[in-house]
Protein backbone atom coordinates (compact mmCIF):
# COMPACT_ATOMS: atom_id res chain seq x y z
CA MET A 1 -32.19 -38.48 2.92
CA ASP A 2 -32.38 -37.38 6.68
CA ASN A 3 -29.92 -34.96 8.53
CA LEU A 4 -28.11 -38.06 10.21
CA VAL A 5 -27.24 -39.70 6.90
CA LYS A 6 -26.13 -36.41 5.33
CA LYS A 7 -23.87 -35.80 8.44
CA GLY A 8 -22.48 -39.35 8.24
CA ILE A 9 -21.65 -39.09 4.41
CA PHE A 10 -19.90 -35.62 4.99
CA LEU A 11 -17.80 -36.99 7.99
CA PHE A 12 -16.83 -40.08 6.01
CA SER A 13 -15.80 -37.80 2.84
CA LEU A 14 -13.79 -35.58 5.33
CA SER A 15 -12.11 -38.36 6.85
CA ALA A 16 -11.21 -39.76 3.38
CA LEU A 17 -9.70 -36.53 2.19
CA THR A 18 -7.83 -36.11 5.46
CA MET A 19 -6.26 -39.69 5.02
CA LEU A 20 -5.39 -38.61 1.30
CA SER A 21 -3.88 -35.47 2.65
CA TRP A 22 -1.76 -37.29 5.17
CA GLN A 23 -0.46 -39.67 2.42
CA CYS A 24 0.55 -36.57 0.33
CA LEU A 25 2.28 -35.00 3.23
CA LYS A 26 4.28 -38.00 3.92
CA SER A 27 5.08 -38.85 0.30
CA THR A 28 8.65 -38.09 -0.87
CA LYS A 29 7.91 -38.98 -4.44
CA PRO A 30 7.58 -36.64 -6.21
CA GLY A 31 7.67 -34.77 -2.84
CA ILE A 32 5.75 -31.96 -1.49
CA PRO A 33 8.11 -28.94 -0.11
CA ALA A 34 8.03 -28.50 3.74
CA SER A 35 6.81 -25.10 3.09
CA VAL A 36 3.66 -26.17 1.28
CA ARG A 37 3.28 -28.99 3.93
CA ARG A 38 3.11 -26.38 6.64
CA VAL A 39 0.32 -24.38 4.68
CA ILE A 40 -1.67 -27.68 4.34
CA GLN A 41 -1.20 -28.53 8.03
CA ASN A 42 -2.69 -25.17 8.98
CA ALA A 43 -5.56 -25.19 6.37
CA GLY A 44 -8.15 -26.64 8.76
CA LEU A 45 -11.24 -27.60 6.98
CA ASN A 46 -9.82 -26.34 3.71
CA LYS A 47 -7.24 -28.92 3.65
CA PRO A 48 -8.98 -31.26 1.13
CA GLU A 49 -9.11 -28.24 -1.37
CA LEU A 50 -5.41 -27.85 -1.25
CA VAL A 51 -4.94 -31.49 -1.70
CA LYS A 52 -7.34 -31.56 -4.56
CA ALA A 53 -5.26 -28.87 -6.52
CA ILE A 54 -2.07 -30.99 -5.77
CA GLY A 55 -3.67 -34.15 -7.01
CA TYR A 56 -4.76 -32.44 -10.03
CA TYR A 57 -1.21 -31.61 -11.21
CA GLU A 58 0.10 -34.88 -10.10
CA LYS A 59 -2.39 -36.53 -12.33
CA ASN A 60 -1.55 -34.63 -15.43
CA LYS A 61 2.29 -34.97 -14.81
CA ASP A 62 3.07 -31.64 -15.69
CA THR A 63 6.17 -31.13 -13.34
CA LEU A 64 6.49 -27.40 -14.28
CA GLN A 65 2.90 -26.44 -13.41
CA ARG A 66 3.20 -28.52 -10.28
CA LYS A 67 6.23 -26.54 -9.20
CA ALA A 68 4.42 -23.25 -10.09
CA LEU A 69 1.45 -24.43 -7.77
CA PHE A 70 3.87 -25.22 -5.01
CA CYS A 71 5.49 -21.83 -5.46
CA LEU A 72 1.92 -20.21 -4.87
CA MET A 73 0.87 -22.60 -2.15
CA ALA A 74 4.09 -22.10 -0.05
CA GLN A 75 2.86 -18.37 0.45
CA MET A 76 -0.94 -18.94 1.26
CA ASN A 77 -0.51 -18.80 4.94
CA LYS A 78 0.76 -15.29 4.83
CA ASN A 79 -1.54 -13.89 2.01
CA TYR A 80 -5.18 -12.79 2.92
CA THR A 81 -8.25 -10.81 2.26
CA VAL A 82 -9.17 -8.33 4.97
CA TYR A 83 -12.61 -6.42 5.36
CA TYR A 84 -12.75 -3.14 7.18
CA SER A 85 -15.38 -0.93 8.47
CA VAL A 86 -15.61 2.46 10.05
CA GLN A 87 -16.78 2.39 13.57
CA ASP A 88 -16.81 4.64 16.62
CA SER A 89 -15.62 3.56 20.06
CA LEU A 90 -19.02 2.07 20.78
CA GLY A 91 -18.91 -0.22 17.73
CA ASN A 92 -21.58 1.74 15.77
CA HIS A 93 -20.89 1.60 11.89
CA TYR A 94 -20.70 4.44 9.48
CA PHE A 95 -20.47 4.59 5.64
CA PHE A 96 -19.25 7.59 3.55
CA ASN A 97 -20.15 7.03 0.29
CA PRO A 98 -17.37 8.30 -1.99
CA GLU A 99 -19.73 8.82 -4.87
CA LYS A 100 -21.90 11.22 -2.85
CA TYR A 101 -19.16 13.76 -2.16
CA PRO A 102 -17.81 16.15 -4.97
CA ASP A 103 -14.36 16.30 -3.51
CA TYR A 104 -11.99 14.98 -0.69
CA LEU A 105 -12.65 18.23 1.31
CA SER A 106 -16.44 18.00 1.50
CA LEU A 107 -15.94 14.30 2.53
CA ASN A 108 -13.47 15.00 5.08
CA ARG A 109 -15.57 17.77 6.56
CA ALA A 110 -18.37 15.22 6.88
CA TRP A 111 -16.07 12.80 8.68
CA ASP A 112 -14.98 15.38 11.10
CA SER A 113 -18.59 16.58 11.70
CA THR A 114 -19.41 12.92 12.70
CA GLU A 115 -16.28 12.71 15.00
CA GLN A 116 -17.44 15.94 16.94
CA ILE A 117 -20.67 14.08 17.78
CA ARG A 118 -19.59 10.47 17.94
CA GLY A 119 -16.10 10.52 18.88
CA ASN A 120 -12.97 9.22 17.04
CA LEU A 121 -13.86 7.03 14.06
CA ILE A 122 -11.38 4.22 13.19
CA TYR A 123 -11.07 1.54 10.65
CA HIS A 124 -11.93 -1.80 12.26
CA ALA A 125 -10.70 -4.88 10.74
CA ASP A 126 -13.79 -6.91 10.88
CA SER A 127 -12.42 -10.13 9.34
CA PHE A 128 -9.58 -11.93 8.00
CA ARG A 129 -9.67 -14.74 5.31
CA VAL A 130 -6.38 -16.41 4.97
CA ASP A 131 -5.87 -17.81 1.58
CA GLY A 132 -4.55 -21.30 2.89
CA GLN A 133 -7.84 -21.61 4.77
CA THR A 134 -10.35 -20.37 2.41
CA LEU A 135 -9.32 -20.63 -1.29
CA LYS A 136 -10.73 -23.54 -3.27
CA GLY A 137 -8.83 -26.19 -5.28
CA ASN A 138 -10.70 -25.35 -8.33
CA TYR A 139 -9.95 -21.56 -8.03
CA LEU A 140 -6.17 -22.41 -7.65
CA ILE A 141 -6.37 -24.67 -10.72
CA HIS A 142 -8.26 -22.19 -12.91
CA ASN A 143 -5.82 -19.39 -11.97
CA LEU A 144 -2.75 -21.54 -12.72
CA ASN A 145 -4.06 -23.19 -16.07
CA GLU A 146 -5.14 -19.58 -17.52
CA ALA A 147 -1.75 -18.03 -16.47
CA PHE A 148 0.07 -20.85 -18.15
CA LYS A 149 -2.18 -20.60 -21.25
CA ALA A 150 -1.43 -16.90 -21.55
CA HIS A 151 2.35 -17.33 -21.02
CA THR A 152 2.56 -20.00 -23.75
CA LEU A 153 0.00 -18.81 -26.20
CA PHE A 154 0.67 -15.23 -26.45
CA PRO A 155 4.06 -14.47 -28.46
CA TRP A 156 4.86 -11.46 -26.32
CA SER A 157 4.89 -13.48 -23.13
CA LYS A 158 7.07 -16.34 -24.19
CA ASP A 159 10.59 -14.71 -23.24
CA TYR A 160 9.72 -14.56 -19.82
CA ASP A 161 11.76 -16.86 -17.57
CA PHE A 162 10.09 -19.23 -15.14
CA GLN A 163 10.96 -17.22 -12.01
CA THR A 164 9.53 -13.91 -13.44
CA PHE A 165 6.53 -15.82 -14.57
CA CYS A 166 5.94 -17.08 -10.94
CA HIS A 167 6.32 -13.78 -9.14
CA TRP A 168 4.79 -11.36 -11.38
CA ILE A 169 2.30 -13.26 -13.85
CA LEU A 170 1.13 -16.34 -11.85
CA PRO A 171 -0.17 -14.76 -8.46
CA TYR A 172 -4.01 -14.47 -8.25
CA ARG A 173 -3.77 -11.27 -5.89
CA VAL A 174 -1.93 -8.00 -5.98
CA ALA A 175 -2.80 -6.77 -2.43
CA ASN A 176 -5.36 -7.79 0.26
CA GLU A 177 -8.24 -7.43 -2.26
CA ARG A 178 -10.91 -10.15 -2.52
CA PRO A 179 -9.51 -13.02 -4.82
CA GLU A 180 -11.60 -13.08 -8.12
CA LYS A 181 -11.43 -15.13 -11.34
CA PHE A 182 -10.05 -12.23 -13.53
CA ARG A 183 -8.06 -13.76 -16.25
CA LYS A 184 -10.74 -15.11 -18.59
CA TYR A 185 -12.88 -12.01 -17.93
CA PHE A 186 -10.09 -9.54 -18.82
CA LEU A 187 -9.12 -11.45 -21.91
CA LYS A 188 -12.85 -10.85 -23.08
CA GLU A 189 -13.04 -7.37 -21.76
CA TYR A 190 -9.98 -6.20 -23.51
CA GLY A 191 -9.37 -8.67 -26.38
CA PRO A 192 -9.07 -9.89 -28.88
CA LEU A 193 -6.09 -7.40 -29.40
CA PRO A 194 -5.30 -5.98 -33.01
CA SER A 195 -3.72 -8.34 -35.16
CA LYS A 196 -0.46 -6.71 -35.16
CA PHE A 197 0.36 -7.80 -32.03
CA TYR A 198 -0.05 -11.66 -32.66
CA ASN A 199 3.58 -12.23 -34.35
CA ASP A 200 7.01 -13.43 -33.46
CA THR A 201 8.17 -9.81 -33.10
CA SER A 202 5.58 -8.44 -30.66
CA HIS A 203 6.88 -6.92 -27.41
CA PRO A 204 5.08 -6.97 -24.18
CA LEU A 205 5.62 -3.25 -23.75
CA ASP A 206 3.72 -2.48 -26.80
CA VAL A 207 0.74 -4.57 -25.77
CA ALA A 208 0.90 -3.05 -22.11
CA LEU A 209 0.74 0.47 -23.44
CA TYR A 210 -2.27 -0.53 -25.73
CA LEU A 211 -4.16 -2.07 -22.72
CA ASN A 212 -3.31 0.91 -20.39
CA LYS A 213 -4.82 3.28 -22.86
CA LEU A 214 -8.06 1.17 -22.84
CA ILE A 215 -8.10 1.06 -18.99
CA ASN A 216 -7.54 4.76 -18.70
CA GLN A 217 -10.47 5.27 -20.92
CA LYS A 218 -12.71 3.28 -18.53
CA ILE A 219 -11.48 4.12 -15.15
CA ASP A 220 -10.34 7.33 -13.40
CA TYR A 221 -8.94 8.61 -10.16
CA LYS A 222 -11.14 10.48 -7.62
CA ASP A 223 -9.79 11.73 -4.40
CA THR A 224 -12.86 11.02 -2.29
CA TYR A 225 -12.03 7.13 -2.72
CA ASN A 226 -9.01 7.78 -0.50
CA LYS A 227 -11.12 7.22 2.59
CA SER A 228 -12.22 3.82 1.29
CA ILE A 229 -9.82 1.46 2.58
CA ASN A 230 -11.46 -1.67 1.21
CA VAL A 231 -10.41 -2.36 -2.33
CA GLN A 232 -13.24 -2.31 -4.83
CA THR A 233 -14.07 -5.47 -6.72
CA ILE A 234 -13.66 -5.58 -10.56
CA LYS A 235 -17.44 -5.16 -11.11
CA GLN A 236 -17.53 -2.31 -8.49
CA LEU A 237 -14.57 -0.34 -10.05
CA GLU A 238 -16.03 -0.86 -13.66
CA LYS A 239 -19.57 0.36 -12.56
CA SER A 240 -18.39 3.51 -10.88
CA GLY A 241 -15.48 4.14 -13.32
CA LEU A 242 -13.66 5.82 -10.38
CA GLY A 243 -11.40 4.88 -7.59
CA ASN A 244 -8.24 5.64 -5.69
CA PHE A 245 -4.75 4.84 -6.80
CA TYR A 246 -4.77 1.25 -5.16
CA ASP A 247 -8.09 0.27 -6.76
CA ILE A 248 -6.90 1.38 -10.29
CA ASN A 249 -3.49 -0.08 -10.02
CA ILE A 250 -4.73 -3.62 -8.65
CA TYR A 251 -6.93 -3.60 -11.38
CA LYS A 252 -4.26 -2.68 -14.03
CA VAL A 253 -1.72 -5.39 -12.68
CA LYS A 254 -4.37 -7.95 -12.99
CA VAL A 255 -5.16 -6.99 -16.64
CA MET A 256 -1.60 -7.33 -17.56
CA ARG A 257 -1.09 -10.60 -16.02
CA ALA A 258 -4.24 -11.86 -17.67
CA PHE A 259 -2.36 -11.04 -20.96
CA GLY A 260 0.91 -12.70 -19.97
CA ILE A 261 2.64 -9.59 -19.09
CA ALA A 262 4.69 -9.35 -15.93
CA ALA A 263 3.56 -6.49 -13.67
CA ALA A 264 3.67 -5.01 -10.19
CA MET A 265 2.08 -2.24 -8.08
CA ASP A 266 4.62 0.12 -6.77
CA TYR A 267 3.58 2.83 -4.11
CA THR A 268 4.23 5.09 -1.37
CA PRO A 269 1.71 4.94 1.45
CA PHE A 270 2.19 8.81 2.20
CA LEU A 271 3.81 11.49 0.18
CA ALA A 272 6.03 13.88 1.91
CA ASP A 273 5.06 17.23 0.67
CA THR A 274 1.13 16.80 0.12
CA ASN A 275 -1.81 14.73 1.06
CA PHE A 276 -2.45 10.90 0.30
CA GLY A 277 -0.34 8.37 -0.92
CA TYR A 278 0.45 7.27 -4.51
CA ALA A 279 0.57 4.19 -6.57
CA TYR A 280 1.26 3.00 -10.19
CA THR A 281 1.82 -0.06 -12.35
CA THR A 282 5.13 -1.10 -13.37
CA VAL A 283 5.48 -3.44 -16.26
CA ILE A 284 8.54 -5.81 -15.85
CA LEU A 285 10.16 -6.85 -19.21
CA PRO A 286 11.75 -10.01 -20.08
CA ASP A 287 15.26 -8.36 -19.91
CA ARG A 288 14.18 -7.14 -16.52
CA ASP A 289 13.95 -3.38 -17.53
CA GLU A 290 10.91 -1.81 -16.13
CA PHE A 291 8.48 0.71 -17.64
CA ILE A 292 5.89 2.53 -15.48
CA LEU A 293 2.47 2.92 -17.11
CA ALA A 294 0.83 6.45 -16.94
CA TYR A 295 -2.60 7.75 -15.88
CA ASN A 296 -5.04 9.46 -18.28
CA HIS A 297 -4.14 12.66 -16.31
CA ARG A 298 -0.49 13.81 -15.66
CA VAL A 299 0.66 13.46 -12.05
CA LYS A 300 3.13 16.22 -11.86
CA ALA A 301 6.76 15.57 -10.99
CA MET A 302 6.18 12.55 -8.61
CA HIS A 303 9.89 11.80 -8.32
CA LYS A 304 10.67 15.36 -7.71
CA GLN A 305 12.99 16.20 -4.74
CA GLY A 306 11.21 16.37 -1.39
CA ARG A 307 8.14 14.19 -2.42
CA LEU A 308 9.10 10.64 -2.19
CA ALA A 309 10.26 9.40 1.16
CA LYS A 310 10.11 5.86 0.47
CA LEU A 311 8.96 3.79 -2.50
CA TYR A 312 7.63 0.00 -2.17
CA ARG A 313 6.75 -2.83 -4.50
CA ARG A 314 3.78 -5.11 -3.33
CA THR A 315 4.84 -8.76 -3.54
CA PHE A 316 3.10 -12.14 -3.16
CA PHE A 317 6.27 -13.77 -2.09
CA ARG A 318 8.06 -13.17 1.10
CA ASP A 319 10.69 -10.47 1.08
CA SER A 320 12.87 -9.84 4.21
CA SER A 321 12.92 -6.11 3.51
CA SER A 322 9.20 -5.97 4.76
CA LEU A 323 8.50 -5.89 8.46
CA TYR A 324 5.74 -8.24 7.87
CA ALA A 325 8.45 -10.97 7.09
CA ILE A 326 10.25 -10.71 10.56
CA LYS A 327 7.66 -9.44 13.06
CA LYS A 328 5.78 -11.57 15.48
CA THR A 329 2.30 -11.92 14.11
CA LYS A 330 0.60 -10.48 17.19
CA LYS A 331 3.02 -7.47 17.34
CA SER A 332 1.33 -4.25 16.65
CA THR A 333 2.76 -2.17 13.64
CA PRO A 334 1.54 0.76 11.75
CA PRO A 335 -0.70 0.52 8.76
CA TYR A 336 1.16 -0.19 5.36
CA LEU A 337 4.28 -1.38 7.12
CA GLY A 338 3.77 -4.58 9.11
CA ASP A 339 0.69 -6.15 7.37
CA PHE A 340 1.92 -7.67 4.13
CA TYR A 341 4.91 -8.33 2.10
CA TYR A 342 6.57 -5.68 -0.08
CA LYS A 343 10.09 -4.87 -1.27
CA ASP A 344 11.91 -1.71 -0.62
CA ILE A 345 12.52 -0.14 -4.29
CA THR A 346 13.63 3.37 -3.15
CA ASN A 347 16.19 4.80 -5.54
CA PRO A 348 19.66 4.85 -3.75
CA LEU A 349 20.83 7.76 -5.81
CA GLN A 350 17.90 9.95 -4.63
CA SER A 351 18.06 9.01 -1.00
CA ALA A 352 20.44 8.91 2.10
CA ASN A 353 21.09 6.59 4.99
CA VAL A 354 20.44 8.24 8.44
CA TRP A 355 21.60 7.16 11.96
CA LEU A 356 19.45 8.47 14.88
CA HIS A 357 19.83 8.30 18.56
CA LEU A 358 16.40 7.63 19.97
CA ASN A 359 14.88 8.80 23.22
CA GLY A 360 14.03 5.24 24.33
CA ASN A 361 14.99 1.74 23.09
CA PRO A 362 11.86 0.20 21.15
CA GLU A 363 12.28 -3.02 19.33
CA TYR A 364 11.19 -1.15 16.13
CA ALA A 365 11.67 2.60 15.32
CA TYR A 366 9.80 4.53 12.59
CA LEU A 367 10.13 7.59 10.60
CA CYS A 368 6.83 9.68 9.97
CA VAL A 369 6.15 12.27 7.24
CA PHE A 370 3.48 14.99 7.62
CA ASN A 371 0.39 14.12 5.38
CA ASP A 372 -3.41 15.04 5.68
CA GLY A 373 -2.95 16.92 8.94
CA GLY A 374 -0.94 14.51 10.97
CA TRP A 375 2.20 12.29 11.15
CA HIS A 376 2.27 8.92 9.49
CA PRO A 377 5.07 6.26 9.75
CA ILE A 378 6.55 5.63 6.22
CA ALA A 379 9.68 3.52 7.06
CA TRP A 380 10.80 1.17 9.79
CA THR A 381 14.23 -0.30 11.24
CA THR A 382 15.20 -2.32 14.26
CA ALA A 383 16.63 -0.47 17.08
CA LYS A 384 19.38 -1.51 19.39
CA ASP A 385 20.80 0.42 22.40
CA SER A 386 18.66 3.43 21.38
CA LEU A 387 20.49 3.65 18.02
CA ALA A 388 18.57 3.14 14.76
CA LEU A 389 19.80 3.13 11.09
CA PHE A 390 17.25 4.11 8.42
CA LYS A 391 18.34 3.11 4.99
CA GLU A 392 17.82 4.91 1.60
CA MET A 393 15.50 7.77 3.03
CA GLY A 394 14.24 10.54 0.48
CA THR A 395 16.04 13.76 1.13
CA HIS A 396 14.92 17.33 1.58
CA ILE A 397 12.07 16.04 3.63
CA ILE A 398 10.99 16.64 7.29
CA TYR A 399 10.93 13.31 9.45
CA LEU A 400 9.65 12.53 12.94
CA PRO A 401 10.99 9.72 14.67
CA VAL A 402 8.48 7.49 16.59
CA SER A 403 7.68 4.12 17.98
CA TYR A 404 4.55 2.49 17.88
CA GLU A 405 2.75 0.87 20.74
CA GLN A 406 -1.05 -0.29 21.07
CA HIS A 407 -1.85 1.56 17.80
CA MET A 408 -0.39 4.87 19.39
CA LEU A 409 2.66 6.87 17.94
CA ILE A 410 5.19 7.70 20.67
CA ARG A 411 7.77 10.48 19.69
CA MET A 412 11.32 9.33 20.12
CA GLY A 413 13.12 12.40 19.10
CA LEU A 414 12.98 15.84 17.48
CA PRO A 415 11.73 16.34 13.86
CA PHE A 416 14.70 16.92 11.56
CA ILE A 417 15.16 17.90 7.82
CA LEU A 418 17.30 15.15 6.11
CA HIS A 419 19.72 16.64 3.48
CA ARG A 420 21.96 14.91 1.17
CA GLN A 421 24.66 12.66 2.27
CA GLY A 422 22.48 11.82 5.48
CA LEU A 423 23.04 15.28 7.06
CA LYS A 424 20.27 16.26 9.59
CA ALA A 425 18.85 19.66 10.60
CA PHE A 426 17.11 19.16 13.84
CA LEU A 427 14.11 21.36 14.51
CA ASN A 428 13.57 22.78 18.07
CA ALA A 429 12.15 26.07 19.02
CA ASP A 430 14.58 28.62 20.54
CA PHE A 431 12.73 31.30 22.34
CA SER A 432 16.04 33.08 23.35
CA PHE A 433 16.40 34.14 19.70
CA ARG A 434 13.43 35.46 17.54
CA GLN A 435 13.20 36.28 13.97
CA SER A 436 10.75 38.35 12.12
CA VAL A 437 8.53 36.66 9.44
CA LYS A 438 5.79 37.72 6.97
CA LEU A 439 3.04 34.89 7.11
CA GLN A 440 1.27 34.85 3.81
CA ARG A 441 0.28 31.23 3.22
CA THR A 442 -0.87 28.00 4.80
CA SER A 443 0.57 25.97 2.11
CA PRO A 444 2.46 26.61 -1.17
CA HIS A 445 -0.85 26.87 -2.90
CA ASP A 446 -3.26 28.61 -0.25
CA LYS A 447 -2.84 32.22 0.53
CA LEU A 448 -4.09 33.81 3.72
CA LYS A 449 -7.36 35.62 3.26
CA SER A 450 -7.67 39.19 4.50
CA GLY A 451 -9.88 39.41 7.76
CA LYS A 452 -9.84 35.60 8.27
CA ASN A 453 -8.52 34.42 11.80
CA TYR A 454 -5.61 32.14 11.77
CA THR A 455 -3.78 30.02 14.42
CA LEU A 456 -0.04 29.77 14.33
CA TYR A 457 1.37 26.38 15.88
CA PHE A 458 4.85 25.31 16.67
CA TRP A 459 5.96 21.72 17.50
CA ASP A 460 7.18 21.10 21.02
CA GLY A 461 6.46 17.31 21.11
CA ASN A 462 2.92 18.02 19.95
CA TRP A 463 1.48 21.17 18.24
CA LYS A 464 1.25 24.18 20.59
CA ILE A 465 -0.54 27.46 19.97
CA LEU A 466 2.00 30.38 19.46
CA SER A 467 -0.37 32.89 18.29
CA ASN A 468 -3.83 33.77 16.97
CA PHE A 469 -4.23 36.61 14.59
CA ASN A 470 -6.39 38.25 11.71
CA ALA A 471 -4.75 38.42 8.42
CA GLY A 472 -4.31 41.66 6.56
CA LYS A 473 -4.24 42.35 2.91
CA SER A 474 -0.65 41.23 2.52
CA GLY A 475 -0.52 38.72 5.27
CA TYR A 476 0.78 39.15 9.05
CA ILE A 477 4.09 40.09 10.27
CA THR A 478 5.18 38.57 13.57
CA ASP A 479 8.30 37.32 15.51
CA VAL A 480 8.78 33.75 16.03
CA PRO A 481 11.34 31.50 17.83
CA ALA A 482 14.31 30.53 15.82
CA GLY A 483 14.79 26.76 14.69
CA ALA A 484 11.26 25.78 15.20
CA LEU A 485 8.69 23.82 12.94
CA PHE A 486 5.51 25.48 12.15
CA LEU A 487 1.97 24.93 10.98
CA LEU A 488 -0.64 27.53 10.12
CA THR A 489 -4.20 26.97 10.10
CA ASN A 490 -7.72 28.83 10.33
CA ASN A 491 -10.93 27.62 11.79
CA ASP A 492 -12.04 26.29 8.57
CA LEU A 493 -9.51 23.53 8.04
CA SER A 494 -8.92 22.68 4.41
CA PHE A 495 -6.57 19.87 5.30
CA ASN A 496 -4.09 21.15 2.75
CA GLU A 497 -1.95 23.02 5.42
CA ARG A 498 1.71 22.20 5.18
CA ILE A 499 4.49 22.35 7.76
CA PHE A 500 7.11 24.87 7.32
CA ILE A 501 10.33 26.34 8.74
CA ILE A 502 11.52 30.04 8.62
CA SER A 503 14.38 30.55 6.12
CA ASN A 504 17.41 32.76 6.73
CA ASN A 505 15.65 35.48 4.56
CA GLY A 506 12.55 35.44 6.89
CA ARG A 507 10.32 33.62 4.46
CA GLN A 508 8.14 30.62 4.81
CA GLN A 509 9.74 27.42 3.40
CA PHE A 510 7.15 24.66 3.28
CA TYR A 511 7.86 20.76 3.34
């Protein structure tokens, strides 16, 4: 068969499928929701694949499965896979293998050494694969059939209502990872379960705890993977046995869903009193109670005061509390806040609302926390007439208000400590009044070393040098301006340095 004939057959097939799609779109019996029609219309060459999935459930006449398919398909224009690479300003690519380095400090030093030679390194989004334009009909059919099979066959799954099933069991993705056929694989990998679970009195939490124990024996956390922004595939994660919190919990959520257990990944992009972010898996029970699954090592006091500025839940479905749901597609927004759907689940009893008057009138305003040596946006709100209301922010945390333009943070005011009831203590160096302080640490866990040279910075719109000194055996005593925010480092940055203020008794108080 020559190329001309092959091309003719392809065009004829495409034309026939397109005609079929138009008939489906125009059909009102049984009816395709407008949100699904929009996804099909934007699917381009993938339109026949979406129509194929609809046709499958039209043929088997299962109205509940067809409704579930429409629930998924309505969200497929806003869910996607993204592939990143590390590049310099000239487009040269770099790869820092997380398995090669013993810890994050050594990897970060290698990263910084490269930047000193090549300039700033950035995460470059090389490609986006929108689900509606790429996922095949067979993939959607397989995912939906296996999800329904688990939901109907496993006794611990039967009590979930249809809405909970659609939101927290049915989705084929957790974040922006590569879509994989995970359901049958995990049923084989972690099953069959002990016979005690296969009875009418079995409970999803018992099954979840059992599965979580097996996962924890297989996969562990390693901080070097925090520089890896691409989510590991199932095979990659199982081969290395190591990953960051997002790798691990995307995996955990999928295992739970494969066994008909409703689960979600909850996370904070950046912790407020230390480096990195944090994520965990929450099991959602049929009565809507929730239970957090533990790691195989204890994460100390994650919900302690001053640590969580914000807590979010990744969702497959649109949620108006996410910036992604309301912003214009081309609007540049900070990482983790404007790139996907999430639900704000910050505990209102451990947070406070805060009003701010901004130095400017941006469309969106953000609050940053200090993490890994820099300021990172953790929350957003709309601004009007230079006023901004941030709801349910973690207390006893230092925030910096900013706007975000062309991938740059622009300060919008002074840093401040947020206390209970939304009270703010603004931090601004007052050189007319000085107080004596004994500097002994760069962080709550790192003491000054005798004979080492250190630099003391204070915040004045950016970090400015206040003094350089050599530490003595018991630290260093100096006078500093009152009311300021400080950072103390030496030439050998450990990236564990924490910001601090000087308390009334002349001691360093870290945040």
